[in-house]
Amino acid sequence: MNNNEEELKLKLSTLDCNTSTKYYQVTQTLNDTQKHKIKTYFKYYTPENFDNLENVAGKTTGWMCKSDDVSKVEELLGITETREKYTSKYNNNQRKTSDEIPNLLEKVALSFSK
């Protein structure tokens, strides 16, 4: 893999707020064997597949799978940097930051004078 190629993984592509559904796309072109393994989980979407496009964020055209199928697709493609790992790492970092805020506030002393 060269510097211009991104690691094979699934990335969030579309969020349908009408149905609270997340849609994911692969980050690389797949070979025929890989496509065959995951074809039951992917569908080609167009704007006509979504109700009320004002409540849809992201791409509305392309091959995507729903969030319910992400772990199955990652397993079939042998993806090790999974969405679950990413989410867990993100939540841990967010929790650490949240835990640090009260400590930071204790160090800051504000004084107001007329």
C-alpha atoms as a PDB file:
ATOM      1  CA  MET A   1       0.000   0.000   0.000  1.00  0.00           C
ATOM      2  CA  ASN A   2       1.447   3.378  -0.947  1.00  0.00           C
ATOM      3  CA  ASN A   3       0.847   6.703   0.781  1.00  0.00           C
ATOM      4  CA  ASN A   4      -2.024   7.564  -1.558  1.00  0.00           C
ATOM      5  CA  GLU A   5      -4.006   4.437  -0.719  1.00  0.00           C
ATOM      6  CA  GLU A   6      -6.128   4.308   2.371  1.00  0.00           C
ATOM      7  CA  GLU A   7      -6.339   1.113   4.423  1.00  0.00           C
ATOM      8  CA  LEU A   8      -9.326  -1.076   3.561  1.00  0.00           C
ATOM      9  CA  LYS A   9     -12.112  -0.333   6.004  1.00  0.00           C
ATOM     10  CA  LEU A  10     -15.695   0.790   6.111  1.00  0.00           C
ATOM     11  CA  LYS A  11     -16.432   4.469   6.537  1.00  0.00           C
ATOM     12  CA  LEU A  12     -19.662   6.216   7.355  1.00  0.00           C
ATOM     13  CA  SER A  13     -21.067   7.568   4.129  1.00  0.00           C
ATOM     14  CA  THR A  14     -24.690   8.465   4.774  1.00  0.00           C
ATOM     15  CA  LEU A  15     -26.906   9.181   7.750  1.00  0.00           C
ATOM     16  CA  ASP A  16     -30.642   8.957   7.220  1.00  0.00           C
ATOM     17  CA  CYS A  17     -32.255  10.906  10.059  1.00  0.00           C
ATOM     18  CA  ASN A  18     -35.717   9.835   8.863  1.00  0.00           C
ATOM     19  CA  THR A  19     -34.991   6.229   9.869  1.00  0.00           C
ATOM     20  CA  SER A  20     -31.907   6.709  12.106  1.00  0.00           C
ATOM     21  CA  THR A  21     -29.965   4.453   9.738  1.00  0.00           C
ATOM     22  CA  LYS A  22     -26.244   4.739   9.024  1.00  0.00           C
ATOM     23  CA  TYR A  23     -24.838   3.566   5.697  1.00  0.00           C
ATOM     24  CA  TYR A  24     -21.204   2.585   5.104  1.00  0.00           C
ATOM     25  CA  GLN A  25     -18.951   2.292   2.051  1.00  0.00           C
ATOM     26  CA  VAL A  26     -15.584   0.599   1.563  1.00  0.00           C
ATOM     27  CA  THR A  27     -12.516   2.826   1.239  1.00  0.00           C
ATOM     28  CA  GLN A  28     -10.893   0.877  -1.610  1.00  0.00           C
ATOM     29  CA  THR A  29     -11.843  -0.800  -4.847  1.00  0.00           C
ATOM     30  CA  LEU A  30     -12.481  -4.483  -4.194  1.00  0.00           C
ATOM     31  CA  ASN A  31     -11.461  -7.420  -6.348  1.00  0.00           C
ATOM     32  CA  ASP A  32     -14.076  -9.869  -7.661  1.00  0.00           C
ATOM     33  CA  THR A  33     -13.510 -12.371  -4.831  1.00  0.00           C
ATOM     34  CA  GLN A  34     -14.043  -9.706  -2.174  1.00  0.00           C
ATOM     35  CA  LYS A  35     -17.145  -8.382  -3.952  1.00  0.00           C
ATOM     36  CA  HIS A  36     -18.604 -11.881  -4.132  1.00  0.00           C
ATOM     37  CA  LYS A  37     -18.100 -12.404  -0.370  1.00  0.00           C
ATOM     38  CA  ILE A  38     -20.028  -9.276   0.627  1.00  0.00           C
ATOM     39  CA  LYS A  39     -22.557  -8.806  -2.181  1.00  0.00           C
ATOM     40  CA  THR A  40     -25.536  -9.903  -0.054  1.00  0.00           C
ATOM     41  CA  TYR A  41     -24.881  -7.052   2.387  1.00  0.00           C
ATOM     42  CA  PHE A  42     -24.493  -4.231  -0.138  1.00  0.00           C
ATOM     43  CA  LYS A  43     -27.079  -2.416  -2.204  1.00  0.00           C
ATOM     44  CA  TYR A  44     -26.704   0.333  -4.782  1.00  0.00           C
ATOM     45  CA  TYR A  45     -28.530   3.386  -3.405  1.00  0.00           C
ATOM     46  CA  THR A  46     -29.784   6.442  -5.251  1.00  0.00           C
ATOM     47  CA  PRO A  47     -31.598   9.526  -3.922  1.00  0.00           C
ATOM     48  CA  GLU A  48     -34.911   7.826  -4.739  1.00  0.00           C
ATOM     49  CA  ASN A  49     -34.211   5.244  -1.998  1.00  0.00           C
ATOM     50  CA  PHE A  50     -34.438   7.913   0.703  1.00  0.00           C
ATOM     51  CA  ASP A  51     -37.535   9.705   1.966  1.00  0.00           C
ATOM     52  CA  ASN A  52     -37.228  13.450   2.560  1.00  0.00           C
ATOM     53  CA  LEU A  53     -33.667  14.141   1.390  1.00  0.00           C
ATOM     54  CA  GLU A  54     -33.567  17.219   3.626  1.00  0.00           C
ATOM     55  CA  ASN A  55     -33.043  14.815   6.530  1.00  0.00           C
ATOM     56  CA  VAL A  56     -30.277  12.796   4.862  1.00  0.00           C
ATOM     57  CA  ALA A  57     -26.618  13.728   5.349  1.00  0.00           C
ATOM     58  CA  GLY A  58     -23.781  12.520   3.145  1.00  0.00           C
ATOM     59  CA  LYS A  59     -23.745  10.667  -0.141  1.00  0.00           C
ATOM     60  CA  THR A  60     -27.027   9.367  -1.483  1.00  0.00           C
ATOM     61  CA  THR A  61     -25.591   7.438  -4.419  1.00  0.00           C
ATOM     62  CA  GLY A  62     -23.343   4.395  -4.376  1.00  0.00           C
ATOM     63  CA  TRP A  63     -22.815   0.890  -3.033  1.00  0.00           C
ATOM     64  CA  MET A  64     -23.487   0.890   0.714  1.00  0.00           C
ATOM     65  CA  CYS A  65     -24.316  -1.440   3.551  1.00  0.00           C
ATOM     66  CA  LYS A  66     -26.369  -0.644   6.627  1.00  0.00           C
ATOM     67  CA  SER A  67     -24.811  -0.340  10.067  1.00  0.00           C
ATOM     68  CA  ASP A  68     -26.367  -3.663  11.143  1.00  0.00           C
ATOM     69  CA  ASP A  69     -24.155  -5.463   8.614  1.00  0.00           C
ATOM     70  CA  VAL A  70     -20.854  -3.658   9.233  1.00  0.00           C
ATOM     71  CA  SER A  71     -19.330  -6.273  11.550  1.00  0.00           C
ATOM     72  CA  LYS A  72     -20.232  -9.132   9.146  1.00  0.00           C
ATOM     73  CA  VAL A  73     -18.687  -7.296   6.188  1.00  0.00           C
ATOM     74  CA  GLU A  74     -15.532  -6.445   8.160  1.00  0.00           C
ATOM     75  CA  GLU A  75     -15.140 -10.090   9.146  1.00  0.00           C
ATOM     76  CA  LEU A  76     -15.609 -11.315   5.566  1.00  0.00           C
ATOM     77  CA  LEU A  77     -13.054  -8.810   4.244  1.00  0.00           C
ATOM     78  CA  GLY A  78     -10.578  -9.490   7.063  1.00  0.00           C
ATOM     79  CA  ILE A  79     -10.646  -5.883   8.252  1.00  0.00           C
ATOM     80  CA  THR A  80      -8.787  -5.590  11.566  1.00  0.00           C
ATOM     81  CA  GLU A  81      -9.297  -1.875  12.224  1.00  0.00           C
ATOM     82  CA  THR A  82     -13.012  -2.344  12.750  1.00  0.00           C
ATOM     83  CA  ARG A  83     -15.714   0.254  13.411  1.00  0.00           C
ATOM     84  CA  GLU A  84     -16.147  -1.320  16.858  1.00  0.00           C
ATOM     85  CA  LYS A  85     -12.465  -0.777  17.712  1.00  0.00           C
ATOM     86  CA  TYR A  86     -12.622   2.796  16.419  1.00  0.00           C
ATOM     87  CA  THR A  87     -15.785   3.559  18.400  1.00  0.00           C
ATOM     88  CA  SER A  88     -14.323   2.039  21.557  1.00  0.00           C
ATOM     89  CA  LYS A  89     -11.098   4.033  21.193  1.00  0.00           C
ATOM     90  CA  TYR A  90     -13.074   7.219  20.498  1.00  0.00           C
ATOM     91  CA  ASN A  91     -15.341   6.693  23.529  1.00  0.00           C
ATOM     92  CA  ASN A  92     -12.335   6.017  25.795  1.00  0.00           C
ATOM     93  CA  ASN A  93     -10.605   9.199  24.631  1.00  0.00           C
ATOM     94  CA  GLN A  94     -13.797  11.182  25.068  1.00  0.00           C
ATOM     95  CA  ARG A  95     -14.269   9.755  28.586  1.00  0.00           C
ATOM     96  CA  LYS A  96     -10.657  10.633  29.524  1.00  0.00           C
ATOM     97  CA  THR A  97     -11.150  14.179  28.297  1.00  0.00           C
ATOM     98  CA  SER A  98     -14.409  14.501  30.219  1.00  0.00           C
ATOM     99  CA  ASP A  99     -12.723  13.217  33.372  1.00  0.00           C
ATOM    100  CA  GLU A 100      -9.899  15.746  32.995  1.00  0.00           C
ATOM    101  CA  ILE A 101     -12.138  18.824  32.697  1.00  0.00           C
ATOM    102  CA  PRO A 102     -13.003  19.118  36.425  1.00  0.00           C
ATOM    103  CA  ASN A 103      -9.284  18.890  37.272  1.00  0.00           C
ATOM    104  CA  LEU A 104      -8.507  21.662  34.825  1.00  0.00           C
ATOM    105  CA  LEU A 105     -11.212  23.852  36.279  1.00  0.00           C
ATOM    106  CA  GLU A 106      -9.753  23.456  39.770  1.00  0.00           C
ATOM    107  CA  LYS A 107      -6.444  24.861  38.508  1.00  0.00           C
ATOM    108  CA  VAL A 108      -8.057  27.944  37.021  1.00  0.00           C
ATOM    109  CA  ALA A 109      -8.737  30.748  39.446  1.00  0.00           C
ATOM    110  CA  LEU A 110     -10.915  33.572  38.272  1.00  0.00           C
ATOM    111  CA  SER A 111     -10.998  36.892  40.013  1.00  0.00           C
ATOM    112  CA  PHE A 112     -13.285  39.739  39.242  1.00  0.00           C
ATOM    113  CA  SER A 113     -12.638  43.275  40.388  1.00  0.00           C
ATOM    114  CA  LYS A 114     -14.433  46.542  39.835  1.00  0.00           C
END
